[in-house]
Amino acid sequence: FEAALARREVARAAREVVERSAALFRDELESIYRRTVADPLLAACAAVREEYSTWRSLQAELTGLAP
């Protein structure tokens, strides 16, 4: 009986280790993705929006100057 309980405890502890390891791995992957993909992509999109806004302002100015 005690051996069965011990095996059950070992199995439970092993599951906990696997779950924690999976959570750490997932968190690390998310962090890597944010640093290498999401953040640079958002920065690039912001730069494009700024350039487009500048271009639209210039176009509006030039259109207003046309006779």
PDB file of N, CA and C in Angstrom:
ATOM      1  N   PHE A   1       0.832  -1.199   0.000  1.00  0.00           N
ATOM      2  CA  PHE A   1       0.000   0.000   0.000  1.00  0.00           C
ATOM      3  C   PHE A   1       0.876   1.262   0.000  1.00  0.00           C
ATOM      4  N   GLU A   2       1.894   1.258   0.873  1.00  0.00           N
ATOM      5  CA  GLU A   2       2.785   2.414   0.942  1.00  0.00           C
ATOM      6  C   GLU A   2       3.562   2.598  -0.358  1.00  0.00           C
ATOM      7  N   ALA A   3       3.914   1.499  -0.991  1.00  0.00           N
ATOM      8  CA  ALA A   3       4.631   1.589  -2.267  1.00  0.00           C
ATOM      9  C   ALA A   3       3.744   2.235  -3.325  1.00  0.00           C
ATOM     10  N   ALA A   4       2.465   1.906  -3.317  1.00  0.00           N
ATOM     11  CA  ALA A   4       1.527   2.505  -4.273  1.00  0.00           C
ATOM     12  C   ALA A   4       1.387   3.998  -4.009  1.00  0.00           C
ATOM     13  N   LEU A   5       1.320   4.386  -2.736  1.00  0.00           N
ATOM     14  CA  LEU A   5       1.250   5.809  -2.395  1.00  0.00           C
ATOM     15  C   LEU A   5       2.523   6.535  -2.818  1.00  0.00           C
ATOM     16  N   ALA A   6       3.649   5.895  -2.601  1.00  0.00           N
ATOM     17  CA  ALA A   6       4.925   6.508  -2.983  1.00  0.00           C
ATOM     18  C   ALA A   6       4.984   6.701  -4.493  1.00  0.00           C
ATOM     19  N   ARG A   7       4.554   5.701  -5.248  1.00  0.00           N
ATOM     20  CA  ARG A   7       4.540   5.826  -6.715  1.00  0.00           C
ATOM     21  C   ARG A   7       3.605   6.950  -7.145  1.00  0.00           C
ATOM     22  N   ARG A   8       2.466   7.043  -6.475  1.00  0.00           N
ATOM     23  CA  ARG A   8       1.511   8.101  -6.794  1.00  0.00           C
ATOM     24  C   ARG A   8       2.132   9.479  -6.518  1.00  0.00           C
ATOM     25  N   GLU A   9       2.829   9.617  -5.394  1.00  0.00           N
ATOM     26  CA  GLU A   9       3.486  10.882  -5.057  1.00  0.00           C
ATOM     27  C   GLU A   9       4.585  11.220  -6.060  1.00  0.00           C
ATOM     28  N   VAL A  10       5.349  10.223  -6.466  1.00  0.00           N
ATOM     29  CA  VAL A  10       6.408  10.448  -7.456  1.00  0.00           C
ATOM     30  C   VAL A  10       5.788  10.876  -8.779  1.00  0.00           C
ATOM     31  N   ALA A  11       4.717  10.236  -9.175  1.00  0.00           N
ATOM     32  CA  ALA A  11       4.040  10.593 -10.427  1.00  0.00           C
ATOM     33  C   ALA A  11       3.486  12.013 -10.349  1.00  0.00           C
ATOM     34  N   ARG A  12       2.908  12.383  -9.205  1.00  0.00           N
ATOM     35  CA  ARG A  12       2.376  13.735  -9.030  1.00  0.00           C
ATOM     36  C   ARG A  12       3.497  14.764  -9.098  1.00  0.00           C
ATOM     37  N   ALA A  13       4.600  14.476  -8.424  1.00  0.00           N
ATOM     38  CA  ALA A  13       5.739  15.397  -8.442  1.00  0.00           C
ATOM     39  C   ALA A  13       6.296  15.534  -9.858  1.00  0.00           C
ATOM     40  N   ALA A  14       6.351  14.434 -10.579  1.00  0.00           N
ATOM     41  CA  ALA A  14       6.849  14.480 -11.963  1.00  0.00           C
ATOM     42  C   ALA A  14       5.927  15.325 -12.834  1.00  0.00           C
ATOM     43  N   ARG A  15       4.615  15.187 -12.657  1.00  0.00           N
ATOM     44  CA  ARG A  15       3.665  16.008 -13.423  1.00  0.00           C
ATOM     45  C   ARG A  15       3.854  17.488 -13.119  1.00  0.00           C
ATOM     46  N   GLU A  16       4.061  17.812 -11.842  1.00  0.00           N
ATOM     47  CA  GLU A  16       4.276  19.209 -11.468  1.00  0.00           C
ATOM     48  C   GLU A  16       5.538  19.770 -12.114  1.00  0.00           C
ATOM     49  N   VAL A  17       6.594  18.974 -12.131  1.00  0.00           N
ATOM     50  CA  VAL A  17       7.843  19.418 -12.760  1.00  0.00           C
ATOM     51  C   VAL A  17       7.626  19.653 -14.250  1.00  0.00           C
ATOM     52  N   VAL A  18       6.922  18.747 -14.895  1.00  0.00           N
ATOM     53  CA  VAL A  18       6.652  18.894 -16.327  1.00  0.00           C
ATOM     54  C   VAL A  18       5.805  20.134 -16.583  1.00  0.00           C
ATOM     55  N   GLU A  19       4.787  20.358 -15.776  1.00  0.00           N
ATOM     56  CA  GLU A  19       3.925  21.532 -15.959  1.00  0.00           C
ATOM     57  C   GLU A  19       4.704  22.828 -15.766  1.00  0.00           C
ATOM     58  N   ARG A  20       5.549  22.875 -14.724  1.00  0.00           N
ATOM     59  CA  ARG A  20       6.355  24.084 -14.496  1.00  0.00           C
ATOM     60  C   ARG A  20       7.343  24.303 -15.629  1.00  0.00           C
ATOM     61  N   SER A  21       7.967  23.231 -16.081  1.00  0.00           N
ATOM     62  CA  SER A  21       8.923  23.345 -17.187  1.00  0.00           C
ATOM     63  C   SER A  21       8.230  23.835 -18.452  1.00  0.00           C
ATOM     64  N   ALA A  22       7.051  23.310 -18.721  1.00  0.00           N
ATOM     65  CA  ALA A  22       6.302  23.736 -19.906  1.00  0.00           C
ATOM     66  C   ALA A  22       5.928  25.207 -19.801  1.00  0.00           C
ATOM     67  N   ALA A  23       5.523  25.649 -18.612  1.00  0.00           N
ATOM     68  CA  ALA A  23       5.157  27.056 -18.425  1.00  0.00           C
ATOM     69  C   ALA A  23       6.371  27.958 -18.617  1.00  0.00           C
ATOM     70  N   LEU A  24       7.513  27.566 -18.066  1.00  0.00           N
ATOM     71  CA  LEU A  24       8.732  28.363 -18.238  1.00  0.00           C
ATOM     72  C   LEU A  24       9.143  28.421 -19.705  1.00  0.00           C
ATOM     73  N   PHE A  25       9.062  27.288 -20.390  1.00  0.00           N
ATOM     74  CA  PHE A  25       9.420  27.234 -21.807  1.00  0.00           C
ATOM     75  C   PHE A  25       8.490  28.133 -22.622  1.00  0.00           C
ATOM     76  N   ARG A  26       7.191  28.058 -22.345  1.00  0.00           N
ATOM     77  CA  ARG A  26       6.219  28.888 -23.053  1.00  0.00           C
ATOM     78  C   ARG A  26       6.485  30.372 -22.803  1.00  0.00           C
ATOM     79  N   ASP A  27       6.735  30.718 -21.542  1.00  0.00           N
ATOM     80  CA  ASP A  27       7.018  32.117 -21.213  1.00  0.00           C
ATOM     81  C   ASP A  27       8.276  32.608 -21.915  1.00  0.00           C
ATOM     82  N   GLU A  28       9.304  31.765 -21.963  1.00  0.00           N
ATOM     83  CA  GLU A  28      10.549  32.152 -22.628  1.00  0.00           C
ATOM     84  C   GLU A  28      10.324  32.324 -24.133  1.00  0.00           C
ATOM     85  N   LEU A  29       9.562  31.426 -24.741  1.00  0.00           N
ATOM     86  CA  LEU A  29       9.262  31.564 -26.171  1.00  0.00           C
ATOM     87  C   LEU A  29       8.483  32.846 -26.446  1.00  0.00           C
ATOM     88  N   GLU A  30       7.510  33.158 -25.595  1.00  0.00           N
ATOM     89  CA  GLU A  30       6.743  34.395 -25.772  1.00  0.00           C
ATOM     90  C   GLU A  30       7.643  35.616 -25.650  1.00  0.00           C
ATOM     91  N   SER A  31       8.569  35.572 -24.712  1.00  0.00           N
ATOM     92  CA  SER A  31       9.499  36.684 -24.522  1.00  0.00           C
ATOM     93  C   SER A  31      10.398  36.854 -25.746  1.00  0.00           C
ATOM     94  N   ILE A  32      10.904  35.752 -26.260  1.00  0.00           N
ATOM     95  CA  ILE A  32      11.754  35.806 -27.458  1.00  0.00           C
ATOM     96  C   ILE A  32      10.957  36.351 -28.632  1.00  0.00           C
ATOM     97  N   TYR A  33       9.721  35.891 -28.796  1.00  0.00           N
ATOM     98  CA  TYR A  33       8.873  36.364 -29.891  1.00  0.00           C
ATOM     99  C   TYR A  33       8.641  37.869 -29.791  1.00  0.00           C
ATOM    100  N   ARG A  34       8.333  38.341 -28.569  1.00  0.00           N
ATOM    101  CA  ARG A  34       8.112  39.782 -28.393  1.00  0.00           C
ATOM    102  C   ARG A  34       9.360  40.576 -28.751  1.00  0.00           C
ATOM    103  N   ARG A  35      10.516  40.124 -28.262  1.00  0.00           N
ATOM    104  CA  ARG A  35      11.758  40.869 -28.506  1.00  0.00           C
ATOM    105  C   ARG A  35      12.164  40.852 -29.973  1.00  0.00           C
ATOM    106  N   THR A  36      11.985  39.734 -30.648  1.00  0.00           N
ATOM    107  CA  THR A  36      12.522  39.601 -32.002  1.00  0.00           C
ATOM    108  C   THR A  36      11.511  39.849 -33.106  1.00  0.00           C
ATOM    109  N   VAL A  37      10.223  39.710 -32.828  1.00  0.00           N
ATOM    110  CA  VAL A  37       9.219  39.852 -33.885  1.00  0.00           C
ATOM    111  C   VAL A  37       8.223  40.964 -33.575  1.00  0.00           C
ATOM    112  N   ALA A  38       7.510  40.830 -32.493  1.00  0.00           N
ATOM    113  CA  ALA A  38       6.392  41.741 -32.221  1.00  0.00           C
ATOM    114  C   ALA A  38       6.848  43.181 -32.020  1.00  0.00           C
ATOM    115  N   ASP A  39       7.820  43.404 -31.144  1.00  0.00           N
ATOM    116  CA  ASP A  39       8.255  44.779 -30.871  1.00  0.00           C
ATOM    117  C   ASP A  39       8.849  45.451 -32.108  1.00  0.00           C
ATOM    118  N   PRO A  40       9.781  44.793 -32.831  1.00  0.00           N
ATOM    119  CA  PRO A  40      10.299  45.433 -34.047  1.00  0.00           C
ATOM    120  C   PRO A  40       9.216  45.658 -35.105  1.00  0.00           C
ATOM    121  N   LEU A  41       8.276  44.739 -35.208  1.00  0.00           N
ATOM    122  CA  LEU A  41       7.204  44.892 -36.185  1.00  0.00           C
ATOM    123  C   LEU A  41       6.323  46.082 -35.831  1.00  0.00           C
ATOM    124  N   LEU A  42       5.988  46.227 -34.557  1.00  0.00           N
ATOM    125  CA  LEU A  42       5.189  47.375 -34.134  1.00  0.00           C
ATOM    126  C   LEU A  42       5.941  48.683 -34.364  1.00  0.00           C
ATOM    127  N   ALA A  43       7.241  48.679 -34.107  1.00  0.00           N
ATOM    128  CA  ALA A  43       8.047  49.882 -34.337  1.00  0.00           C
ATOM    129  C   ALA A  43       8.073  50.224 -35.821  1.00  0.00           C
ATOM    130  N   ALA A  44       8.209  49.223 -36.676  1.00  0.00           N
ATOM    131  CA  ALA A  44       8.215  49.461 -38.119  1.00  0.00           C
ATOM    132  C   ALA A  44       6.862  50.005 -38.580  1.00  0.00           C
ATOM    133  N   CYS A  45       5.781  49.463 -38.060  1.00  0.00           N
ATOM    134  CA  CYS A  45       4.444  49.954 -38.421  1.00  0.00           C
ATOM    135  C   CYS A  45       4.262  51.403 -37.988  1.00  0.00           C
ATOM    136  N   ALA A  46       4.755  51.746 -36.806  1.00  0.00           N
ATOM    137  CA  ALA A  46       4.656  53.126 -36.326  1.00  0.00           C
ATOM    138  C   ALA A  46       5.448  54.056 -37.236  1.00  0.00           C
ATOM    139  N   ALA A  47       6.622  53.616 -37.670  1.00  0.00           N
ATOM    140  CA  ALA A  47       7.438  54.439 -38.568  1.00  0.00           C
ATOM    141  C   ALA A  47       6.732  54.642 -39.904  1.00  0.00           C
ATOM    142  N   VAL A  48       6.113  53.600 -40.423  1.00  0.00           N
ATOM    143  CA  VAL A  48       5.390  53.712 -41.696  1.00  0.00           C
ATOM    144  C   VAL A  48       4.203  54.657 -41.540  1.00  0.00           C
ATOM    145  N   ARG A  49       3.470  54.539 -40.431  1.00  0.00           N
ATOM    146  CA  ARG A  49       2.345  55.454 -40.191  1.00  0.00           C
ATOM    147  C   ARG A  49       2.822  56.900 -40.137  1.00  0.00           C
ATOM    148  N   GLU A  50       3.940  57.134 -39.473  1.00  0.00           N
ATOM    149  CA  GLU A  50       4.489  58.489 -39.370  1.00  0.00           C
ATOM    150  C   GLU A  50       4.888  59.019 -40.746  1.00  0.00           C
ATOM    151  N   GLU A  51       5.554  58.183 -41.531  1.00  0.00           N
ATOM    152  CA  GLU A  51       5.947  58.592 -42.884  1.00  0.00           C
ATOM    153  C   GLU A  51       4.716  58.896 -43.736  1.00  0.00           C
ATOM    154  N   TYR A  52       3.701  58.047 -43.642  1.00  0.00           N
ATOM    155  CA  TYR A  52       2.486  58.249 -44.421  1.00  0.00           C
ATOM    156  C   TYR A  52       1.795  59.545 -43.999  1.00  0.00           C
ATOM    157  N   SER A  53       1.751  59.782 -42.690  1.00  0.00           N
ATOM    158  CA  SER A  53       1.134  61.002 -42.187  1.00  0.00           C
ATOM    159  C   SER A  53       1.879  62.232 -42.701  1.00  0.00           C
ATOM    160  N   THR A  54       3.195  62.166 -42.682  1.00  0.00           N
ATOM    161  CA  THR A  54       4.004  63.272 -43.200  1.00  0.00           C
ATOM    162  C   THR A  54       3.738  63.472 -44.686  1.00  0.00           C
ATOM    163  N   TRP A  55       3.678  62.385 -45.422  1.00  0.00           N
ATOM    164  CA  TRP A  55       3.434  62.456 -46.865  1.00  0.00           C
ATOM    165  C   TRP A  55       2.058  63.061 -47.146  1.00  0.00           C
ATOM    166  N   ARG A  56       1.044  62.630 -46.374  1.00  0.00           N
ATOM    167  CA  ARG A  56      -0.309  63.166 -46.570  1.00  0.00           C
ATOM    168  C   ARG A  56      -0.350  64.664 -46.256  1.00  0.00           C
ATOM    169  N   SER A  57       0.342  65.089 -45.220  1.00  0.00           N
ATOM    170  CA  SER A  57       0.385  66.514 -44.878  1.00  0.00           C
ATOM    171  C   SER A  57       1.035  67.311 -45.994  1.00  0.00           C
ATOM    172  N   LEU A  58       2.136  66.795 -46.508  1.00  0.00           N
ATOM    173  CA  LEU A  58       2.834  67.475 -47.600  1.00  0.00           C
ATOM    174  C   LEU A  58       1.953  67.523 -48.845  1.00  0.00           C
ATOM    175  N   GLN A  59       1.282  66.427 -49.144  1.00  0.00           N
ATOM    176  CA  GLN A  59       0.397  66.383 -50.303  1.00  0.00           C
ATOM    177  C   GLN A  59      -0.736  67.401 -50.148  1.00  0.00           C
ATOM    178  N   ALA A  60      -1.310  67.489 -48.954  1.00  0.00           N
ATOM    179  CA  ALA A  60      -2.392  68.449 -48.708  1.00  0.00           C
ATOM    180  C   ALA A  60      -1.881  69.876 -48.876  1.00  0.00           C
ATOM    181  N   GLU A  61      -0.668  70.132 -48.393  1.00  0.00           N
ATOM    182  CA  GLU A  61      -0.078  71.459 -48.544  1.00  0.00           C
ATOM    183  C   GLU A  61       0.123  71.799 -50.011  1.00  0.00           C
ATOM    184  N   LEU A  62       0.688  70.851 -50.748  1.00  0.00           N
ATOM    185  CA  LEU A  62       0.966  71.092 -52.164  1.00  0.00           C
ATOM    186  C   LEU A  62      -0.325  71.225 -52.963  1.00  0.00           C
ATOM    187  N   THR A  63      -1.341  70.468 -52.614  1.00  0.00           N
ATOM    188  CA  THR A  63      -2.627  70.558 -53.299  1.00  0.00           C
ATOM    189  C   THR A  63      -3.248  71.928 -53.064  1.00  0.00           C
ATOM    190  N   GLY A  64      -3.083  72.452 -51.868  1.00  0.00           N
ATOM    191  CA  GLY A  64      -3.609  73.772 -51.550  1.00  0.00           C
ATOM    192  C   GLY A  64      -2.897  74.876 -52.308  1.00  0.00           C
ATOM    193  N   LEU A  65      -1.656  74.648 -52.713  1.00  0.00           N
ATOM    194  CA  LEU A  65      -0.888  75.649 -53.452  1.00  0.00           C
ATOM    195  C   LEU A  65      -1.222  75.654 -54.939  1.00  0.00           C
ATOM    196  N   ALA A  66      -1.786  74.556 -55.422  1.00  0.00           N
ATOM    197  CA  ALA A  66      -2.080  74.458 -56.859  1.00  0.00           C
ATOM    198  C   ALA A  66      -3.197  75.431 -57.224  1.00  0.00           C
ATOM    199  N   PRO A  67      -3.088  76.060 -58.422  1.00  0.00           N
ATOM    200  CA  PRO A  67      -4.127  77.027 -58.840  1.00  0.00           C
ATOM    201  C   PRO A  67      -5.435  76.361 -59.196  1.00  0.00           C
TER     202      PRO A  67
END
